[in-house]
C-alpha atoms as a PDB file:
ATOM      1  CA  MET A   1      -0.204  -0.194  -0.005  1.00  0.00           C
ATOM      2  CA  SER A   2       1.176   3.576  -0.755  1.00  0.00           C
ATOM      3  CA  ALA A   3       1.545   6.334   1.640  1.00  0.00           C
ATOM      4  CA  VAL A   4      -1.105   8.018   0.007  1.00  0.00           C
ATOM      5  CA  ASP A   5      -3.407   4.929  -0.195  1.00  0.00           C
ATOM      6  CA  SER A   6      -2.404   4.825   3.796  1.00  0.00           C
ATOM      7  CA  VAL A   7      -3.594   8.123   4.410  1.00  0.00           C
ATOM      8  CA  LEU A   8      -7.156   7.952   2.390  1.00  0.00           C
ATOM      9  CA  LYS A   9      -7.506   4.947   4.299  1.00  0.00           C
ATOM     10  CA  ASP A  10      -7.192   6.357   8.188  1.00  0.00           C
ATOM     11  CA  ILE A  11      -8.970   9.212   6.948  1.00  0.00           C
ATOM     12  CA  ARG A  12     -11.676   7.194   5.744  1.00  0.00           C
ATOM     13  CA  ASN A  13     -11.628   5.562   9.094  1.00  0.00           C
ATOM     14  CA  LYS A  14     -11.469   8.872  11.088  1.00  0.00           C
ATOM     15  CA  ARG A  15      -8.360   8.435  12.160  1.00  0.00           C
ATOM     16  CA  ILE A  16      -7.300  12.098  11.661  1.00  0.00           C
ATOM     17  CA  ALA A  17      -4.065  14.138  12.428  1.00  0.00           C
ATOM     18  CA  PRO A  18      -4.098  17.464  13.632  1.00  0.00           C
ATOM     19  CA  VAL A  19      -2.085  18.734  10.629  1.00  0.00           C
ATOM     20  CA  TYR A  20      -1.370  17.260   6.861  1.00  0.00           C
ATOM     21  CA  LEU A  21       1.627  18.598   4.810  1.00  0.00           C
ATOM     22  CA  ILE A  22       1.187  16.780   1.322  1.00  0.00           C
ATOM     23  CA  HIS A  23       3.535  18.078  -0.965  1.00  0.00           C
ATOM     24  CA  GLY A  24       4.655  17.220  -4.431  1.00  0.00           C
ATOM     25  CA  ASP A  25       4.052  17.273  -8.223  1.00  0.00           C
ATOM     26  CA  GLU A  26       1.141  14.527  -9.055  1.00  0.00           C
ATOM     27  CA  PRO A  27      -1.770  17.026  -8.205  1.00  0.00           C
ATOM     28  CA  TYR A  28      -4.501  14.025  -8.746  1.00  0.00           C
ATOM     29  CA  TYR A  29      -3.240  12.582  -5.136  1.00  0.00           C
ATOM     30  CA  LEU A  30      -3.310  15.610  -3.353  1.00  0.00           C
ATOM     31  CA  ASP A  31      -6.962  16.434  -4.592  1.00  0.00           C
ATOM     32  CA  ARG A  32      -7.424  13.263  -3.582  1.00  0.00           C
ATOM     33  CA  ILE A  33      -6.579  13.574  -0.204  1.00  0.00           C
ATOM     34  CA  ALA A  34      -8.274  16.919  -0.097  1.00  0.00           C
ATOM     35  CA  ASP A  35     -11.571  15.847  -1.195  1.00  0.00           C
ATOM     36  CA  GLU A  36     -11.352  12.745   1.735  1.00  0.00           C
ATOM     37  CA  LEU A  37     -10.765  15.184   4.775  1.00  0.00           C
ATOM     38  CA  GLU A  38     -13.486  17.419   3.425  1.00  0.00           C
ATOM     39  CA  LYS A  39     -15.702  14.680   3.194  1.00  0.00           C
ATOM     40  CA  VAL A  40     -15.146  13.312   6.515  1.00  0.00           C
ATOM     41  CA  VAL A  41     -13.782  16.135   9.293  1.00  0.00           C
ATOM     42  CA  VAL A  42     -16.832  18.451   9.735  1.00  0.00           C
ATOM     43  CA  PRO A  43     -20.544  16.828   8.906  1.00  0.00           C
ATOM     44  CA  VAL A  44     -22.511  18.682   6.333  1.00  0.00           C
ATOM     45  CA  ALA A  45     -24.388  21.115   8.635  1.00  0.00           C
ATOM     46  CA  GLU A  46     -21.433  22.805   9.962  1.00  0.00           C
ATOM     47  CA  ARG A  47     -19.283  23.511   6.883  1.00  0.00           C
ATOM     48  CA  GLY A  48     -20.528  27.319   6.554  1.00  0.00           C
ATOM     49  CA  PHE A  49     -18.815  28.190   9.824  1.00  0.00           C
ATOM     50  CA  ASN A  50     -16.543  25.198   9.809  1.00  0.00           C
ATOM     51  CA  GLN A  51     -14.438  24.217   7.066  1.00  0.00           C
ATOM     52  CA  PHE A  52     -12.130  26.960   5.477  1.00  0.00           C
ATOM     53  CA  VAL A  53     -10.384  26.871   2.062  1.00  0.00           C
ATOM     54  CA  LEU A  54      -7.689  28.952   1.202  1.00  0.00           C
ATOM     55  CA  PHE A  55      -5.556  29.463  -1.710  1.00  0.00           C
ATOM     56  CA  GLY A  56      -1.172  30.069  -1.438  1.00  0.00           C
ATOM     57  CA  LYS A  57      -1.944  33.629  -3.573  1.00  0.00           C
ATOM     58  CA  ASP A  58      -4.214  34.560  -1.630  1.00  0.00           C
ATOM     59  CA  ALA A  59      -2.755  33.687   2.008  1.00  0.00           C
ATOM     60  CA  ASP A  60       0.296  34.381   3.835  1.00  0.00           C
ATOM     61  CA  VAL A  61       1.540  32.350   6.867  1.00  0.00           C
ATOM     62  CA  GLY A  62       0.074  34.714   9.333  1.00  0.00           C
ATOM     63  CA  ALA A  63      -3.161  34.298   7.771  1.00  0.00           C
ATOM     64  CA  VAL A  64      -3.065  30.438   7.414  1.00  0.00           C
ATOM     65  CA  LEU A  65      -1.795  30.211  11.082  1.00  0.00           C
ATOM     66  CA  ASN A  66      -4.702  32.651  12.479  1.00  0.00           C
ATOM     67  CA  TYR A  67      -7.710  30.170  10.694  1.00  0.00           C
ATOM     68  CA  ALA A  68      -5.891  27.633  12.257  1.00  0.00           C
ATOM     69  CA  ARG A  69      -5.628  29.171  16.007  1.00  0.00           C
ATOM     70  CA  ARG A  70      -9.208  29.936  15.770  1.00  0.00           C
ATOM     71  CA  TYR A  71     -11.838  28.056  17.735  1.00  0.00           C
ATOM     72  CA  PRO A  72     -14.584  25.646  16.019  1.00  0.00           C
ATOM     73  CA  PHE A  73     -18.122  27.456  16.369  1.00  0.00           C
ATOM     74  CA  MET A  74     -20.417  25.151  18.230  1.00  0.00           C
ATOM     75  CA  ALA A  75     -18.287  22.038  17.143  1.00  0.00           C
ATOM     76  CA  GLU A  76     -15.870  19.857  18.115  1.00  0.00           C
ATOM     77  CA  ARG A  77     -13.555  20.652  15.248  1.00  0.00           C
ATOM     78  CA  GLN A  78     -12.591  22.945  11.959  1.00  0.00           C
ATOM     79  CA  LEU A  79     -11.220  22.185   8.849  1.00  0.00           C
ATOM     80  CA  VAL A  80      -8.459  24.418   7.239  1.00  0.00           C
ATOM     81  CA  LEU A  81      -7.806  23.449   3.962  1.00  0.00           C
ATOM     82  CA  VAL A  82      -4.560  25.347   2.018  1.00  0.00           C
ATOM     83  CA  LYS A  83      -4.465  24.462  -1.532  1.00  0.00           C
ATOM     84  CA  GLU A  84      -1.541  25.893  -3.677  1.00  0.00           C
ATOM     85  CA  ALA A  85       0.560  26.215  -0.839  1.00  0.00           C
ATOM     86  CA  GLN A  86       3.373  26.988  -2.548  1.00  0.00           C
ATOM     87  CA  GLN A  87       2.530  30.784  -3.245  1.00  0.00           C
ATOM     88  CA  ILE A  88       1.602  31.297   0.039  1.00  0.00           C
ATOM     89  CA  GLY A  89       3.268  34.829   1.087  1.00  0.00           C
ATOM     90  CA  GLY A  90       6.174  33.892   3.628  1.00  0.00           C
ATOM     91  CA  ILE A  91       5.902  30.442   3.111  1.00  0.00           C
ATOM     92  CA  LYS A  92       9.892  30.213   1.661  1.00  0.00           C
ATOM     93  CA  ASP A  93      11.306  32.703   3.618  1.00  0.00           C
ATOM     94  CA  LYS A  94      13.099  31.837   7.120  1.00  0.00           C
ATOM     95  CA  SER A  95      10.723  33.751   9.379  1.00  0.00           C
ATOM     96  CA  GLY A  96       7.499  32.218   7.799  1.00  0.00           C
ATOM     97  CA  GLN A  97       9.134  28.648   8.213  1.00  0.00           C
ATOM     98  CA  GLN A  98       9.787  29.040  11.901  1.00  0.00           C
ATOM     99  CA  LEU A  99       6.076  30.042  12.065  1.00  0.00           C
ATOM    100  CA  LEU A 100       4.808  26.782  10.592  1.00  0.00           C
ATOM    101  CA  GLU A 101       7.399  25.184  12.695  1.00  0.00           C
ATOM    102  CA  GLY A 102       5.730  26.437  15.800  1.00  0.00           C
ATOM    103  CA  TYR A 103       2.590  25.182  14.880  1.00  0.00           C
ATOM    104  CA  ALA A 104       3.267  21.921  13.833  1.00  0.00           C
ATOM    105  CA  MET A 105       4.907  21.001  17.191  1.00  0.00           C
ATOM    106  CA  GLU A 106       2.173  22.253  18.904  1.00  0.00           C
ATOM    107  CA  PRO A 107      -1.346  22.480  16.746  1.00  0.00           C
ATOM    108  CA  LEU A 108      -4.733  22.928  18.332  1.00  0.00           C
ATOM    109  CA  GLY A 109      -6.330  19.905  18.679  1.00  0.00           C
ATOM    110  CA  SER A 110      -9.744  21.174  17.610  1.00  0.00           C
ATOM    111  CA  THR A 111      -7.853  21.879  14.314  1.00  0.00           C
ATOM    112  CA  VAL A 112      -7.253  19.794  11.375  1.00  0.00           C
ATOM    113  CA  LEU A 113      -4.435  21.840   9.162  1.00  0.00           C
ATOM    114  CA  ALA A 114      -4.464  20.498   5.877  1.00  0.00           C
ATOM    115  CA  ILE A 115      -1.493  22.285   3.864  1.00  0.00           C
ATOM    116  CA  PHE A 116      -1.275  21.347   0.272  1.00  0.00           C
ATOM    117  CA  HIS A 117       2.021  22.067  -1.704  1.00  0.00           C
ATOM    118  CA  ASN A 118       1.915  21.428  -5.550  1.00  0.00           C
ATOM    119  CA  GLU A 119       5.963  20.905  -5.528  1.00  0.00           C
ATOM    120  CA  PRO A 120       8.476  18.730  -4.029  1.00  0.00           C
ATOM    121  CA  LEU A 121       9.862  20.152  -0.263  1.00  0.00           C
ATOM    122  CA  ASP A 122      13.037  19.309   1.256  1.00  0.00           C
ATOM    123  CA  GLU A 123      11.826  16.468   4.183  1.00  0.00           C
ATOM    124  CA  ARG A 124      15.087  17.167   5.833  1.00  0.00           C
ATOM    125  CA  LYS A 125      14.074  21.003   6.547  1.00  0.00           C
ATOM    126  CA  ALA A 126      12.885  21.124  10.251  1.00  0.00           C
ATOM    127  CA  TRP A 127       9.589  23.001   9.549  1.00  0.00           C
ATOM    128  CA  VAL A 128       8.502  19.953   6.827  1.00  0.00           C
ATOM    129  CA  LYS A 129       9.954  17.393   9.651  1.00  0.00           C
ATOM    130  CA  ALA A 130       7.739  18.918  11.619  1.00  0.00           C
ATOM    131  CA  PHE A 131       4.834  18.279  10.377  1.00  0.00           C
ATOM    132  CA  SER A 132       5.519  14.609  10.170  1.00  0.00           C
ATOM    133  CA  SER A 133       6.529  14.819  14.251  1.00  0.00           C
ATOM    134  CA  LYS A 134       2.929  15.876  15.099  1.00  0.00           C
ATOM    135  CA  GLY A 135       1.035  14.512  11.719  1.00  0.00           C
ATOM    136  CA  VAL A 136       1.063  13.572   8.692  1.00  0.00           C
ATOM    137  CA  LEU A 137       3.624  14.258   6.126  1.00  0.00           C
ATOM    138  CA  VAL A 138       3.243  12.813   2.090  1.00  0.00           C
ATOM    139  CA  ASN A 139       5.466  13.033  -1.274  1.00  0.00           C
ATOM    140  CA  ALA A 140       2.727  12.885  -3.606  1.00  0.00           C
ATOM    141  CA  LYS A 141       5.133  12.158  -6.345  1.00  0.00           C
ATOM    142  CA  LYS A 142       4.290  11.846 -10.319  1.00  0.00           C
ATOM    143  CA  MET A 143       3.437   8.277 -11.525  1.00  0.00           C
ATOM    144  CA  TYR A 144       6.382   6.805 -13.856  1.00  0.00           C
ATOM    145  CA  ASP A 145       5.169   6.265 -16.843  1.00  0.00           C
ATOM    146  CA  SER A 146       6.296   2.496 -16.605  1.00  0.00           C
ATOM    147  CA  LYS A 147       4.176   1.979 -13.697  1.00  0.00           C
ATOM    148  CA  LEU A 148       0.217   3.268 -15.534  1.00  0.00           C
ATOM    149  CA  VAL A 149      -0.621   0.167 -16.641  1.00  0.00           C
ATOM    150  CA  ASP A 150      -0.668  -1.167 -13.392  1.00  0.00           C
ATOM    151  CA  TRP A 151      -2.014   1.975 -11.502  1.00  0.00           C
ATOM    152  CA  VAL A 152      -5.016   1.638 -14.260  1.00  0.00           C
ATOM    153  CA  GLY A 153      -5.472  -2.362 -13.044  1.00  0.00           C
ATOM    154  CA  ASP A 154      -5.361  -1.456  -9.635  1.00  0.00           C
ATOM    155  CA  TYR A 155      -7.655   1.706  -9.602  1.00  0.00           C
ATOM    156  CA  CYS A 156     -10.094  -0.613 -11.301  1.00  0.00           C
ATOM    157  CA  ARG A 157      -9.992  -3.462  -9.278  1.00  0.00           C
ATOM    158  CA  GLY A 158     -10.595  -0.617  -6.427  1.00  0.00           C
ATOM    159  CA  ARG A 159     -13.773   0.478  -8.108  1.00  0.00           C
ATOM    160  CA  GLY A 160     -14.926  -3.276  -7.684  1.00  0.00           C
ATOM    161  CA  THR A 161     -14.418  -4.633 -11.758  1.00  0.00           C
ATOM    162  CA  LYS A 162     -11.845  -5.959 -13.520  1.00  0.00           C
ATOM    163  CA  ILE A 163     -10.098  -4.948 -16.901  1.00  0.00           C
ATOM    164  CA  SER A 164      -8.295  -6.417 -19.321  1.00  0.00           C
ATOM    165  CA  PRO A 165      -4.338  -5.918 -20.344  1.00  0.00           C
ATOM    166  CA  LYS A 166      -4.950  -4.927 -23.729  1.00  0.00           C
ATOM    167  CA  ALA A 167      -7.290  -1.970 -22.663  1.00  0.00           C
ATOM    168  CA  CYS A 168      -5.178  -0.975 -19.860  1.00  0.00           C
ATOM    169  CA  GLN A 169      -2.301  -0.108 -22.391  1.00  0.00           C
ATOM    170  CA  MET A 170      -4.956   1.720 -25.010  1.00  0.00           C
ATOM    171  CA  LEU A 171      -5.878   3.883 -21.754  1.00  0.00           C
ATOM    172  CA  VAL A 172      -2.351   4.483 -21.273  1.00  0.00           C
ATOM    173  CA  ASP A 173      -1.546   5.320 -24.608  1.00  0.00           C
ATOM    174  CA  ALA A 174      -4.222   7.444 -25.242  1.00  0.00           C
ATOM    175  CA  ILE A 175      -4.314   9.427 -22.261  1.00  0.00           C
ATOM    176  CA  GLY A 176      -0.759   9.199 -20.938  1.00  0.00           C
ATOM    177  CA  ASN A 177       0.538  10.082 -17.428  1.00  0.00           C
ATOM    178  CA  ASP A 178      -2.452  12.124 -16.366  1.00  0.00           C
ATOM    179  CA  LEU A 179      -3.863  10.311 -13.477  1.00  0.00           C
ATOM    180  CA  LYS A 180      -7.088  13.112 -12.797  1.00  0.00           C
ATOM    181  CA  ARG A 181      -8.093  12.181 -16.699  1.00  0.00           C
ATOM    182  CA  MET A 182      -7.335   9.225 -16.476  1.00  0.00           C
ATOM    183  CA  ALA A 183      -9.638   8.206 -13.479  1.00  0.00           C
ATOM    184  CA  GLY A 184     -12.324  10.014 -14.732  1.00  0.00           C
ATOM    185  CA  GLU A 185     -12.288   7.975 -17.896  1.00  0.00           C
ATOM    186  CA  VAL A 186     -12.269   4.722 -16.473  1.00  0.00           C
ATOM    187  CA  ASP A 187     -15.347   6.462 -14.208  1.00  0.00           C
ATOM    188  CA  LYS A 188     -17.044   7.533 -16.863  1.00  0.00           C
ATOM    189  CA  ILE A 189     -16.832   3.548 -18.911  1.00  0.00           C
ATOM    190  CA  LEU A 190     -18.119   2.129 -15.129  1.00  0.00           C
ATOM    191  CA  LEU A 191     -21.310   4.513 -15.391  1.00  0.00           C
ATOM    192  CA  ASN A 192     -22.265   2.565 -19.035  1.00  0.00           C
ATOM    193  CA  LEU A 193     -21.256  -0.937 -17.922  1.00  0.00           C
ATOM    194  CA  ARG A 194     -23.066  -3.925 -15.975  1.00  0.00           C
ATOM    195  CA  VAL A 195     -22.012  -4.656 -12.783  1.00  0.00           C
ATOM    196  CA  ASP A 196     -19.915  -7.752 -13.480  1.00  0.00           C
ATOM    197  CA  GLU A 197     -18.959  -6.471 -17.164  1.00  0.00           C
ATOM    198  CA  GLU A 198     -15.010  -6.425 -17.273  1.00  0.00           C
ATOM    199  CA  ILE A 199     -13.626  -3.230 -18.972  1.00  0.00           C
ATOM    200  CA  SER A 200     -12.070  -5.147 -22.601  1.00  0.00           C
ATOM    201  CA  ALA A 201     -10.891  -2.918 -25.305  1.00  0.00           C
ATOM    202  CA  THR A 202     -14.064  -2.769 -27.474  1.00  0.00           C
ATOM    203  CA  THR A 203     -15.291  -0.983 -24.511  1.00  0.00           C
ATOM    204  CA  VAL A 204     -12.606   1.637 -24.358  1.00  0.00           C
ATOM    205  CA  GLU A 205     -12.989   2.419 -28.146  1.00  0.00           C
ATOM    206  CA  ARG A 206     -16.991   2.723 -27.514  1.00  0.00           C
ATOM    207  CA  PHE A 207     -16.669   4.851 -24.430  1.00  0.00           C
ATOM    208  CA  VAL A 208     -13.551   6.738 -24.575  1.00  0.00           C
ATOM    209  CA  GLY A 209     -13.284   7.369 -28.596  1.00  0.00           C
ATOM    210  CA  ILE A 210      -9.764   5.840 -28.874  1.00  0.00           C
ATOM    211  CA  SER A 211      -9.926   3.877 -31.794  1.00  0.00           C
ATOM    212  CA  LYS A 212      -9.426  -0.212 -31.783  1.00  0.00           C
ATOM    213  CA  GLU A 213      -7.369  -0.226 -35.228  1.00  0.00           C
ATOM    214  CA  TYR A 214      -5.612   2.695 -35.063  1.00  0.00           C
ATOM    215  CA  ASN A 215      -3.629   3.591 -32.213  1.00  0.00           C
ATOM    216  CA  VAL A 216       0.221   3.418 -31.031  1.00  0.00           C
ATOM    217  CA  PHE A 217      -0.435  -0.014 -30.044  1.00  0.00           C
ATOM    218  CA  GLU A 218      -1.351  -1.289 -33.600  1.00  0.00           C
ATOM    219  CA  LEU A 219       1.177   0.566 -35.146  1.00  0.00           C
ATOM    220  CA  GLN A 220       3.872  -1.072 -33.016  1.00  0.00           C
ATOM    221  CA  LYS A 221       2.484  -4.123 -33.540  1.00  0.00           C
ATOM    222  CA  ALA A 222       2.258  -3.368 -37.256  1.00  0.00           C
ATOM    223  CA  ILE A 223       6.110  -2.399 -37.821  1.00  0.00           C
ATOM    224  CA  THR A 224       6.485  -5.667 -35.577  1.00  0.00           C
ATOM    225  CA  GLN A 225       4.872  -7.978 -37.986  1.00  0.00           C
ATOM    226  CA  ARG A 226       6.637  -5.983 -41.076  1.00  0.00           C
ATOM    227  CA  ASP A 227       2.808  -4.948 -41.897  1.00  0.00           C
ATOM    228  CA  VAL A 228       4.166  -2.491 -44.671  1.00  0.00           C
ATOM    229  CA  LEU A 229       0.386  -1.484 -45.632  1.00  0.00           C
ATOM    230  CA  LYS A 230      -0.909  -1.452 -42.401  1.00  0.00           C
ATOM    231  CA  ALA A 231       0.946   0.689 -40.527  1.00  0.00           C
ATOM    232  CA  ASN A 232       0.892   3.202 -43.808  1.00  0.00           C
ATOM    233  CA  ARG A 233      -2.971   2.923 -42.595  1.00  0.00           C
ATOM    234  CA  ILE A 234      -2.293   3.660 -39.079  1.00  0.00           C
ATOM    235  CA  VAL A 235      -0.210   6.388 -40.029  1.00  0.00           C
ATOM    236  CA  ASP A 236      -2.270   8.384 -42.284  1.00  0.00           C
ATOM    237  CA  TYR A 237      -5.036   7.904 -39.947  1.00  0.00           C
ATOM    238  CA  PHE A 238      -3.172  10.024 -37.301  1.00  0.00           C
ATOM    239  CA  GLY A 239      -2.233  12.614 -39.619  1.00  0.00           C
ATOM    240  CA  GLN A 240      -6.203  13.013 -40.808  1.00  0.00           C
ATOM    241  CA  ASN A 241      -6.585  13.348 -36.973  1.00  0.00           C
ATOM    242  CA  ALA A 242      -3.846  14.824 -35.373  1.00  0.00           C
ATOM    243  CA  LYS A 243      -5.535  16.483 -32.842  1.00  0.00           C
ATOM    244  CA  ASP A 244      -6.356  13.377 -30.942  1.00  0.00           C
ATOM    245  CA  ASN A 245      -2.877  11.942 -31.999  1.00  0.00           C
ATOM    246  CA  PRO A 246      -0.113  14.325 -31.073  1.00  0.00           C
ATOM    247  CA  LEU A 247       3.015  13.728 -32.822  1.00  0.00           C
ATOM    248  CA  VAL A 248       4.833  14.117 -29.555  1.00  0.00           C
ATOM    249  CA  VAL A 249       2.706  11.630 -27.811  1.00  0.00           C
ATOM    250  CA  ILE A 250       3.217   8.970 -30.341  1.00  0.00           C
ATOM    251  CA  LEU A 251       7.149   9.438 -30.835  1.00  0.00           C
ATOM    252  CA  ALA A 252       7.602   9.303 -26.659  1.00  0.00           C
ATOM    253  CA  GLN A 253       5.280   5.881 -27.076  1.00  0.00           C
ATOM    254  CA  LEU A 254       7.865   4.444 -29.899  1.00  0.00           C
ATOM    255  CA  PHE A 255      10.878   5.550 -28.185  1.00  0.00           C
ATOM    256  CA  GLN A 256       9.495   3.724 -24.752  1.00  0.00           C
ATOM    257  CA  TYR A 257       8.727   1.068 -27.034  1.00  0.00           C
ATOM    258  CA  PHE A 258      12.261   0.347 -28.414  1.00  0.00           C
ATOM    259  CA  SER A 259      14.324   1.337 -25.314  1.00  0.00           C
ATOM    260  CA  LYS A 260      12.376  -1.385 -23.849  1.00  0.00           C
ATOM    261  CA  VAL A 261      13.139  -4.427 -27.072  1.00  0.00           C
ATOM    262  CA  LEU A 262      16.728  -3.399 -26.699  1.00  0.00           C
ATOM    263  CA  LEU A 263      16.254  -4.356 -23.057  1.00  0.00           C
ATOM    264  CA  VAL A 264      14.545  -7.532 -24.255  1.00  0.00           C
ATOM    265  CA  GLN A 265      18.296  -7.926 -26.381  1.00  0.00           C
ATOM    266  CA  ALA A 266      20.563  -6.957 -23.096  1.00  0.00           C
ATOM    267  CA  SER A 267      18.180  -9.588 -21.163  1.00  0.00           C
ATOM    268  CA  LYS A 268      20.194 -13.124 -20.303  1.00  0.00           C
ATOM    269  CA  ASP A 269      16.337 -14.268 -19.466  1.00  0.00           C
ATOM    270  CA  GLN A 270      14.696 -14.465 -22.572  1.00  0.00           C
ATOM    271  CA  SER A 271      11.394 -16.365 -20.260  1.00  0.00           C
ATOM    272  CA  GLU A 272       8.342 -14.023 -20.354  1.00  0.00           C
ATOM    273  CA  ARG A 273       7.928 -14.092 -16.468  1.00  0.00           C
ATOM    274  CA  GLY A 274      11.704 -13.056 -16.315  1.00  0.00           C
ATOM    275  CA  LEU A 275      11.578 -10.175 -18.510  1.00  0.00           C
ATOM    276  CA  ALA A 276       8.493  -8.418 -17.540  1.00  0.00           C
ATOM    277  CA  PRO A 277       9.742  -7.209 -13.931  1.00  0.00           C
ATOM    278  CA  VAL A 278      12.912  -5.963 -16.457  1.00  0.00           C
ATOM    279  CA  LEU A 279      10.733  -4.116 -18.505  1.00  0.00           C
ATOM    280  CA  GLY A 280       7.975  -2.973 -16.082  1.00  0.00           C
ATOM    281  CA  VAL A 281       5.269  -4.870 -18.157  1.00  0.00           C
ATOM    282  CA  ASN A 282       2.131  -6.647 -17.568  1.00  0.00           C
ATOM    283  CA  PRO A 283       3.351 -10.513 -18.968  1.00  0.00           C
ATOM    284  CA  PHE A 284       0.833 -10.513 -21.176  1.00  0.00           C
ATOM    285  CA  PHE A 285       3.009  -8.069 -23.308  1.00  0.00           C
ATOM    286  CA  VAL A 286       6.240  -9.789 -23.169  1.00  0.00           C
ATOM    287  CA  LYS A 287       5.553 -11.961 -26.114  1.00  0.00           C
ATOM    288  CA  ASP A 288       5.331  -8.966 -28.388  1.00  0.00           C
ATOM    289  CA  TYR A 289       8.998  -6.977 -27.277  1.00  0.00           C
ATOM    290  CA  LEU A 290      10.148 -10.269 -27.567  1.00  0.00           C
ATOM    291  CA  SER A 291       9.321 -10.526 -31.530  1.00  0.00           C
ATOM    292  CA  ALA A 292      10.165  -7.471 -32.268  1.00  0.00           C
ATOM    293  CA  ALA A 293      13.932  -8.524 -30.921  1.00  0.00           C
ATOM    294  CA  ARG A 294      13.737 -11.420 -32.776  1.00  0.00           C
ATOM    295  CA  THR A 295      12.450  -9.045 -35.611  1.00  0.00           C
ATOM    296  CA  PHE A 296      15.423  -6.059 -35.375  1.00  0.00           C
ATOM    297  CA  PRO A 297      19.102  -7.496 -35.201  1.00  0.00           C
ATOM    298  CA  LEU A 298      20.544  -5.187 -32.282  1.00  0.00           C
ATOM    299  CA  VAL A 299      22.318  -2.805 -34.460  1.00  0.00           C
ATOM    300  CA  LYS A 300      19.166  -2.088 -36.134  1.00  0.00           C
ATOM    301  CA  VAL A 301      17.078  -1.107 -32.730  1.00  0.00           C
ATOM    302  CA  ALA A 302      19.868   1.515 -32.059  1.00  0.00           C
ATOM    303  CA  ASP A 303      19.150   2.825 -35.388  1.00  0.00           C
ATOM    304  CA  ILE A 304      15.644   3.763 -34.752  1.00  0.00           C
ATOM    305  CA  ILE A 305      16.267   4.675 -31.653  1.00  0.00           C
ATOM    306  CA  HIS A 306      18.037   7.305 -32.856  1.00  0.00           C
ATOM    307  CA  ALA A 307      15.860   7.955 -36.212  1.00  0.00           C
ATOM    308  CA  ILE A 308      12.993   8.657 -33.127  1.00  0.00           C
ATOM    309  CA  ARG A 309      14.984  11.210 -31.571  1.00  0.00           C
ATOM    310  CA  ARG A 310      15.850  12.719 -34.877  1.00  0.00           C
ATOM    311  CA  ALA A 311      12.204  12.990 -35.549  1.00  0.00           C
ATOM    312  CA  ASP A 312      11.691  14.426 -32.116  1.00  0.00           C
ATOM    313  CA  ALA A 313      13.648  16.674 -32.665  1.00  0.00           C
ATOM    314  CA  GLN A 314      12.198  17.573 -36.156  1.00  0.00           C
ATOM    315  CA  ALA A 315       8.809  18.122 -34.694  1.00  0.00           C
ATOM    316  CA  LYS A 316      10.153  20.406 -32.256  1.00  0.00           C
ATOM    317  CA  GLY A 317      11.988  22.950 -35.595  1.00  0.00           C
ATOM    318  CA  ILE A 318      15.071  21.623 -35.016  1.00  0.00           C
ATOM    319  CA  ASP A 319      16.878  20.512 -38.132  1.00  0.00           C
ATOM    320  CA  THR A 320      14.245  20.891 -40.566  1.00  0.00           C
ATOM    321  CA  ALA A 321      11.756  24.194 -41.119  1.00  0.00           C
ATOM    322  CA  THR A 322       9.010  22.016 -44.243  1.00  0.00           C
ATOM    323  CA  LEU A 323       8.494  19.148 -42.482  1.00  0.00           C
ATOM    324  CA  SER A 324       4.959  18.638 -41.543  1.00  0.00           C
ATOM    325  CA  GLU A 325       3.816  16.330 -38.248  1.00  0.00           C
ATOM    326  CA  ASP A 326       2.253  13.709 -40.767  1.00  0.00           C
ATOM    327  CA  ASP A 327       5.768  13.779 -42.869  1.00  0.00           C
ATOM    328  CA  ILE A 328       7.779  13.218 -40.218  1.00  0.00           C
ATOM    329  CA  LEU A 329       6.006  10.273 -38.836  1.00  0.00           C
ATOM    330  CA  LYS A 330       5.968   9.055 -42.152  1.00  0.00           C
ATOM    331  CA  GLU A 331       9.668   9.480 -42.800  1.00  0.00           C
ATOM    332  CA  LEU A 332       9.906   7.393 -39.405  1.00  0.00           C
ATOM    333  CA  VAL A 333       7.901   4.422 -39.985  1.00  0.00           C
ATOM    334  CA  PHE A 334      10.034   4.106 -43.418  1.00  0.00           C
ATOM    335  CA  ALA A 335      13.293   4.590 -42.007  1.00  0.00           C
ATOM    336  CA  ILE A 336      12.262   1.531 -38.766  1.00  0.00           C
ATOM    337  CA  LEU A 337      10.946  -0.273 -41.773  1.00  0.00           C
ATOM    338  CA  HIS A 338      13.606  -0.152 -44.437  1.00  0.00           C
END
C-alpha cells in the first residue's frame, strides 16, 4: 500500500491527524486527500462555519495560522485546507517557516490544518519534519510512466471491476501520465457497464473514443510484423486526426517501446516471467517485445532509436523548417521498416 493510500484509508476510518503537509508534483493525489478530508472531518451541517479553503496566492503564513488557531463554532473541530501552498506569502522565508514549524509542533486540537504544496519539498528541513512529528507528511510523487498500466489495473480493482491488459494499454497510450483524466475516463466507462462486466478493448473504444485499429499499440504491432500496408494506414489515420494523436506523444511511446526491445536483447533471461519485471510491463505484453527483438537486430534497434530522436528534434523545429508532423512520422516509419 502506498503512502497516499495509507493516508486515505486512515481518513476514511476517521483516524484524523491535527496537521497534514502533502507535497509533490502529482496533483491527482493532492486532490484525492483534500477531497477525502472535506468529506470526513466536518459534518455537512457544520461546514458553513467550520470549514475553510484557502489558496496560497491569496494568503500569507500569518493568515493561515490565524485560521488554524481560531476555535470551531459550536462544533468539535474545524478544517482548514490550504491549496497551492507554494504560493503562500512568506512560506519560502525563514521567519515564515519558523512560524509553521512552531504551529506544527503544538497544533490546536480542535483544528485540522491540511497544507497542499504542489511542488516537492526538502523533507530534511525542520519545518517540514515538524509536520511528520505531530501529523502526516506525504510526498505525492508523479507516477512513473512504466507504472501506469499497473495503476489503471489497481484503480479498476478498487472500483470493483476487472480490465483486460489490452484495454489498460490502450488507455495509457491514449491518455498518458494524467491520473486525474485517467480516473475520469475509467469512471465514465463504469457508468455504462453492468456490475459484473469487464472493461475490454472494445469497451474502451466505444466509450473513450479510442480506435481499436488505429492507435500506437497497433502501430507497434504492425511495425513488428513488418506489415507495411497496415502501418501506413495507421500513420495516415494519425495525420487525418492529428489533434487526437499528437506527434510528440506517438514519438514518446515509440521511444519507450524500442527502448524496452533493447532491454530484451540485453537480458540473459529471455522468459516471459523473467522479462516482465525488467520491462516493467504485464507478462501479457512480453511476447510482443520478444517478437520485436527477433524481428530487429540489435544494430537496427539502435538505428531506430536514433531515428526517433531525430524525428523528435524535427517535431520541435530543429534541423527542419519544411516537414509537417505527418511527413515526419511517415519518414520515421519508413526508416524503421526499411
